[in-house]
Amino acid sequence: MTQQIEASNVKTDFPLPLRSLLDAGVHFGHQTKRWNPKMRRFIYGARNGIHI
């Protein structure tokens, strides 16, 4: 079961420049079947079986 989290529910405690996220490789995502429930608040959504 894959849950979608609305972007409005995501809270950021500090500003994150897009360039720093891309440099860190966070845009690659992880398979939806291998997710850790503790990371739920950091998952923006799912696309093609990948959490973003």
PDB file of N, CA and C in Angstrom:
ATOM      1  N   MET A   1       0.839  -1.165   0.000  1.00  0.00           N
ATOM      2  CA  MET A   1       0.000   0.000   0.000  1.00  0.00           C
ATOM      3  C   MET A   1       0.894   1.242   0.000  1.00  0.00           C
ATOM      4  N   THR A   2       0.675   2.111  -0.921  1.00  0.00           N
ATOM      5  CA  THR A   2       1.433   3.352  -1.019  1.00  0.00           C
ATOM      6  C   THR A   2       0.551   4.512  -0.594  1.00  0.00           C
ATOM      7  N   GLN A   3       1.066   5.318   0.328  1.00  0.00           N
ATOM      8  CA  GLN A   3       0.320   6.487   0.781  1.00  0.00           C
ATOM      9  C   GLN A   3       0.873   7.724   0.112  1.00  0.00           C
ATOM     10  N   GLN A   4      -0.012   8.597  -0.285  1.00  0.00           N
ATOM     11  CA  GLN A   4       0.379   9.886  -0.832  1.00  0.00           C
ATOM     12  C   GLN A   4       0.277  10.919   0.282  1.00  0.00           C
ATOM     13  N   ILE A   5       1.269  11.770   0.400  1.00  0.00           N
ATOM     14  CA  ILE A   5       1.258  12.831   1.396  1.00  0.00           C
ATOM     15  C   ILE A   5       1.142  14.155   0.665  1.00  0.00           C
ATOM     16  N   GLU A   6       0.179  14.950   1.055  1.00  0.00           N
ATOM     17  CA  GLU A   6      -0.028  16.243   0.417  1.00  0.00           C
ATOM     18  C   GLU A   6       1.132  17.178   0.741  1.00  0.00           C
ATOM     19  N   ALA A   7       1.536  17.960  -0.238  1.00  0.00           N
ATOM     20  CA  ALA A   7       2.645  18.898  -0.054  1.00  0.00           C
ATOM     21  C   ALA A   7       2.343  19.904   1.048  1.00  0.00           C
ATOM     22  N   SER A   8       1.083  20.227   1.254  1.00  0.00           N
ATOM     23  CA  SER A   8       0.729  21.203   2.285  1.00  0.00           C
ATOM     24  C   SER A   8       0.970  20.656   3.690  1.00  0.00           C
ATOM     25  N   ASN A   9       1.081  19.324   3.832  1.00  0.00           N
ATOM     26  CA  ASN A   9       1.323  18.716   5.136  1.00  0.00           C
ATOM     27  C   ASN A   9       2.803  18.620   5.477  1.00  0.00           C
ATOM     28  N   VAL A  10       3.663  18.880   4.521  1.00  0.00           N
ATOM     29  CA  VAL A  10       5.096  18.774   4.742  1.00  0.00           C
ATOM     30  C   VAL A  10       5.588  20.054   5.398  1.00  0.00           C
ATOM     31  N   LYS A  11       6.263  19.900   6.516  1.00  0.00           N
ATOM     32  CA  LYS A  11       6.777  21.066   7.231  1.00  0.00           C
ATOM     33  C   LYS A  11       8.295  21.075   7.135  1.00  0.00           C
ATOM     34  N   THR A  12       8.839  22.234   6.843  1.00  0.00           N
ATOM     35  CA  THR A  12      10.282  22.406   6.763  1.00  0.00           C
ATOM     36  C   THR A  12      10.699  23.386   7.845  1.00  0.00           C
ATOM     37  N   ASP A  13      11.640  22.965   8.673  1.00  0.00           N
ATOM     38  CA  ASP A  13      12.098  23.814   9.766  1.00  0.00           C
ATOM     39  C   ASP A  13      13.127  24.841   9.315  1.00  0.00           C
ATOM     40  N   PHE A  14      13.683  24.651   8.130  1.00  0.00           N
ATOM     41  CA  PHE A  14      14.694  25.568   7.626  1.00  0.00           C
ATOM     42  C   PHE A  14      14.630  25.577   6.104  1.00  0.00           C
ATOM     43  N   PRO A  15      15.030  26.678   5.484  1.00  0.00           N
ATOM     44  CA  PRO A  15      14.975  26.750   4.019  1.00  0.00           C
ATOM     45  C   PRO A  15      16.020  25.838   3.379  1.00  0.00           C
ATOM     46  N   LEU A  16      15.631  25.164   2.324  1.00  0.00           N
ATOM     47  CA  LEU A  16      16.540  24.276   1.602  1.00  0.00           C
ATOM     48  C   LEU A  16      16.661  24.757   0.163  1.00  0.00           C
ATOM     49  N   PRO A  17      17.819  25.253  -0.216  1.00  0.00           N
ATOM     50  CA  PRO A  17      17.992  25.661  -1.613  1.00  0.00           C
ATOM     51  C   PRO A  17      17.911  24.432  -2.529  1.00  0.00           C
ATOM     52  N   LEU A  18      17.208  24.561  -3.625  1.00  0.00           N
ATOM     53  CA  LEU A  18      17.041  23.454  -4.552  1.00  0.00           C
ATOM     54  C   LEU A  18      18.380  22.908  -5.019  1.00  0.00           C
ATOM     55  N   ARG A  19      19.327  23.772  -5.285  1.00  0.00           N
ATOM     56  CA  ARG A  19      20.640  23.331  -5.762  1.00  0.00           C
ATOM     57  C   ARG A  19      21.313  22.395  -4.754  1.00  0.00           C
ATOM     58  N   SER A  20      21.206  22.694  -3.454  1.00  0.00           N
ATOM     59  CA  SER A  20      21.842  21.838  -2.448  1.00  0.00           C
ATOM     60  C   SER A  20      21.161  20.467  -2.388  1.00  0.00           C
ATOM     61  N   LEU A  21      19.846  20.427  -2.615  1.00  0.00           N
ATOM     62  CA  LEU A  21      19.145  19.143  -2.654  1.00  0.00           C
ATOM     63  C   LEU A  21      19.583  18.318  -3.856  1.00  0.00           C
ATOM     64  N   LEU A  22      19.699  18.956  -5.007  1.00  0.00           N
ATOM     65  CA  LEU A  22      20.133  18.246  -6.207  1.00  0.00           C
ATOM     66  C   LEU A  22      21.567  17.753  -6.060  1.00  0.00           C
ATOM     67  N   ASP A  23      22.435  18.570  -5.481  1.00  0.00           N
ATOM     68  CA  ASP A  23      23.824  18.168  -5.264  1.00  0.00           C
ATOM     69  C   ASP A  23      23.928  16.982  -4.314  1.00  0.00           C
ATOM     70  N   ALA A  24      23.018  16.911  -3.346  1.00  0.00           N
ATOM     71  CA  ALA A  24      23.019  15.816  -2.375  1.00  0.00           C
ATOM     72  C   ALA A  24      22.396  14.546  -2.944  1.00  0.00           C
ATOM     73  N   GLY A  25      21.727  14.637  -4.089  1.00  0.00           N
ATOM     74  CA  GLY A  25      21.136  13.461  -4.725  1.00  0.00           C
ATOM     75  C   GLY A  25      19.797  13.045  -4.156  1.00  0.00           C
ATOM     76  N   VAL A  26      19.138  13.916  -3.407  1.00  0.00           N
ATOM     77  CA  VAL A  26      17.861  13.532  -2.808  1.00  0.00           C
ATOM     78  C   VAL A  26      16.750  13.380  -3.841  1.00  0.00           C
ATOM     79  N   HIS A  27      16.941  13.905  -5.023  1.00  0.00           N
ATOM     80  CA  HIS A  27      15.908  13.828  -6.052  1.00  0.00           C
ATOM     81  C   HIS A  27      15.813  12.441  -6.675  1.00  0.00           C
ATOM     82  N   PHE A  28      16.744  11.540  -6.372  1.00  0.00           N
ATOM     83  CA  PHE A  28      16.716  10.207  -6.967  1.00  0.00           C
ATOM     84  C   PHE A  28      15.611   9.343  -6.374  1.00  0.00           C
ATOM     85  N   GLY A  29      15.278   9.529  -5.095  1.00  0.00           N
ATOM     86  CA  GLY A  29      14.200   8.785  -4.457  1.00  0.00           C
ATOM     87  C   GLY A  29      14.589   7.360  -4.109  1.00  0.00           C
ATOM     88  N   HIS A  30      13.624   6.618  -3.570  1.00  0.00           N
ATOM     89  CA  HIS A  30      13.816   5.234  -3.163  1.00  0.00           C
ATOM     90  C   HIS A  30      12.581   4.439  -3.551  1.00  0.00           C
ATOM     91  N   GLN A  31      12.734   3.139  -3.705  1.00  0.00           N
ATOM     92  CA  GLN A  31      11.608   2.290  -4.066  1.00  0.00           C
ATOM     93  C   GLN A  31      10.534   2.355  -2.982  1.00  0.00           C
ATOM     94  N   THR A  32       9.283   2.407  -3.412  1.00  0.00           N
ATOM     95  CA  THR A  32       8.177   2.521  -2.459  1.00  0.00           C
ATOM     96  C   THR A  32       8.061   1.282  -1.579  1.00  0.00           C
ATOM     97  N   LYS A  33       8.478   0.132  -2.058  1.00  0.00           N
ATOM     98  CA  LYS A  33       8.360  -1.083  -1.250  1.00  0.00           C
ATOM     99  C   LYS A  33       9.446  -1.191  -0.184  1.00  0.00           C
ATOM    100  N   ARG A  34      10.444  -0.309  -0.213  1.00  0.00           N
ATOM    101  CA  ARG A  34      11.540  -0.361   0.749  1.00  0.00           C
ATOM    102  C   ARG A  34      11.560   0.839   1.685  1.00  0.00           C
ATOM    103  N   TRP A  35      10.435   1.462   1.907  1.00  0.00           N
ATOM    104  CA  TRP A  35      10.407   2.680   2.709  1.00  0.00           C
ATOM    105  C   TRP A  35      10.370   2.366   4.201  1.00  0.00           C
ATOM    106  N   ASN A  36      10.860   3.316   4.982  1.00  0.00           N
ATOM    107  CA  ASN A  36      10.847   3.221   6.433  1.00  0.00           C
ATOM    108  C   ASN A  36       9.760   4.175   6.934  1.00  0.00           C
ATOM    109  N   PRO A  37       8.803   3.684   7.711  1.00  0.00           N
ATOM    110  CA  PRO A  37       7.716   4.538   8.187  1.00  0.00           C
ATOM    111  C   PRO A  37       8.185   5.789   8.935  1.00  0.00           C
ATOM    112  N   LYS A  38       9.367   5.754   9.535  1.00  0.00           N
ATOM    113  CA  LYS A  38       9.884   6.930  10.242  1.00  0.00           C
ATOM    114  C   LYS A  38      10.213   8.066   9.283  1.00  0.00           C
ATOM    115  N   MET A  39      10.336   7.771   7.999  1.00  0.00           N
ATOM    116  CA  MET A  39      10.669   8.784   7.003  1.00  0.00           C
ATOM    117  C   MET A  39       9.432   9.391   6.351  1.00  0.00           C
ATOM    118  N   ARG A  40       8.246   9.010   6.812  1.00  0.00           N
ATOM    119  CA  ARG A  40       6.979   9.449   6.214  1.00  0.00           C
ATOM    120  C   ARG A  40       6.909  10.965   6.030  1.00  0.00           C
ATOM    121  N   ARG A  41       7.342  11.734   7.008  1.00  0.00           N
ATOM    122  CA  ARG A  41       7.207  13.195   6.910  1.00  0.00           C
ATOM    123  C   ARG A  41       8.117  13.806   5.853  1.00  0.00           C
ATOM    124  N   PHE A  42       9.111  13.055   5.389  1.00  0.00           N
ATOM    125  CA  PHE A  42      10.041  13.575   4.395  1.00  0.00           C
ATOM    126  C   PHE A  42       9.684  13.154   2.968  1.00  0.00           C
ATOM    127  N   ILE A  43       8.692  12.286   2.823  1.00  0.00           N
ATOM    128  CA  ILE A  43       8.310  11.786   1.501  1.00  0.00           C
ATOM    129  C   ILE A  43       7.252  12.709   0.908  1.00  0.00           C
ATOM    130  N   TYR A  44       7.565  13.271  -0.236  1.00  0.00           N
ATOM    131  CA  TYR A  44       6.671  14.214  -0.908  1.00  0.00           C
ATOM    132  C   TYR A  44       5.530  13.486  -1.607  1.00  0.00           C
ATOM    133  N   GLY A  45       5.840  12.352  -2.211  1.00  0.00           N
ATOM    134  CA  GLY A  45       4.838  11.587  -2.940  1.00  0.00           C
ATOM    135  C   GLY A  45       5.478  10.373  -3.576  1.00  0.00           C
ATOM    136  N   ALA A  46       4.770   9.728  -4.483  1.00  0.00           N
ATOM    137  CA  ALA A  46       5.285   8.547  -5.168  1.00  0.00           C
ATOM    138  C   ALA A  46       4.990   8.660  -6.655  1.00  0.00           C
ATOM    139  N   ARG A  47       5.929   8.176  -7.456  1.00  0.00           N
ATOM    140  CA  ARG A  47       5.754   8.185  -8.903  1.00  0.00           C
ATOM    141  C   ARG A  47       6.509   7.006  -9.489  1.00  0.00           C
ATOM    142  N   ASN A  48       5.823   6.196 -10.272  1.00  0.00           N
ATOM    143  CA  ASN A  48       6.424   5.025 -10.915  1.00  0.00           C
ATOM    144  C   ASN A  48       7.137   4.119  -9.918  1.00  0.00           C
ATOM    145  N   GLY A  49       6.543   3.920  -8.739  1.00  0.00           N
ATOM    146  CA  GLY A  49       7.118   3.032  -7.735  1.00  0.00           C
ATOM    147  C   GLY A  49       8.301   3.606  -6.980  1.00  0.00           C
ATOM    148  N   ILE A  50       8.496   4.931  -7.060  1.00  0.00           N
ATOM    149  CA  ILE A  50       9.613   5.596  -6.380  1.00  0.00           C
ATOM    150  C   ILE A  50       9.060   6.679  -5.464  1.00  0.00           C
ATOM    151  N   HIS A  51       9.511   6.677  -4.199  1.00  0.00           N
ATOM    152  CA  HIS A  51       9.156   7.768  -3.286  1.00  0.00           C
ATOM    153  C   HIS A  51      10.033   8.967  -3.582  1.00  0.00           C
ATOM    154  N   ILE A  52       9.419  10.115  -3.553  1.00  0.00           N
ATOM    155  CA  ILE A  52      10.145  11.363  -3.831  1.00  0.00           C
ATOM    156  C   ILE A  52      10.068  12.237  -2.592  1.00  0.00           C
TER     157      ILE A  52
END
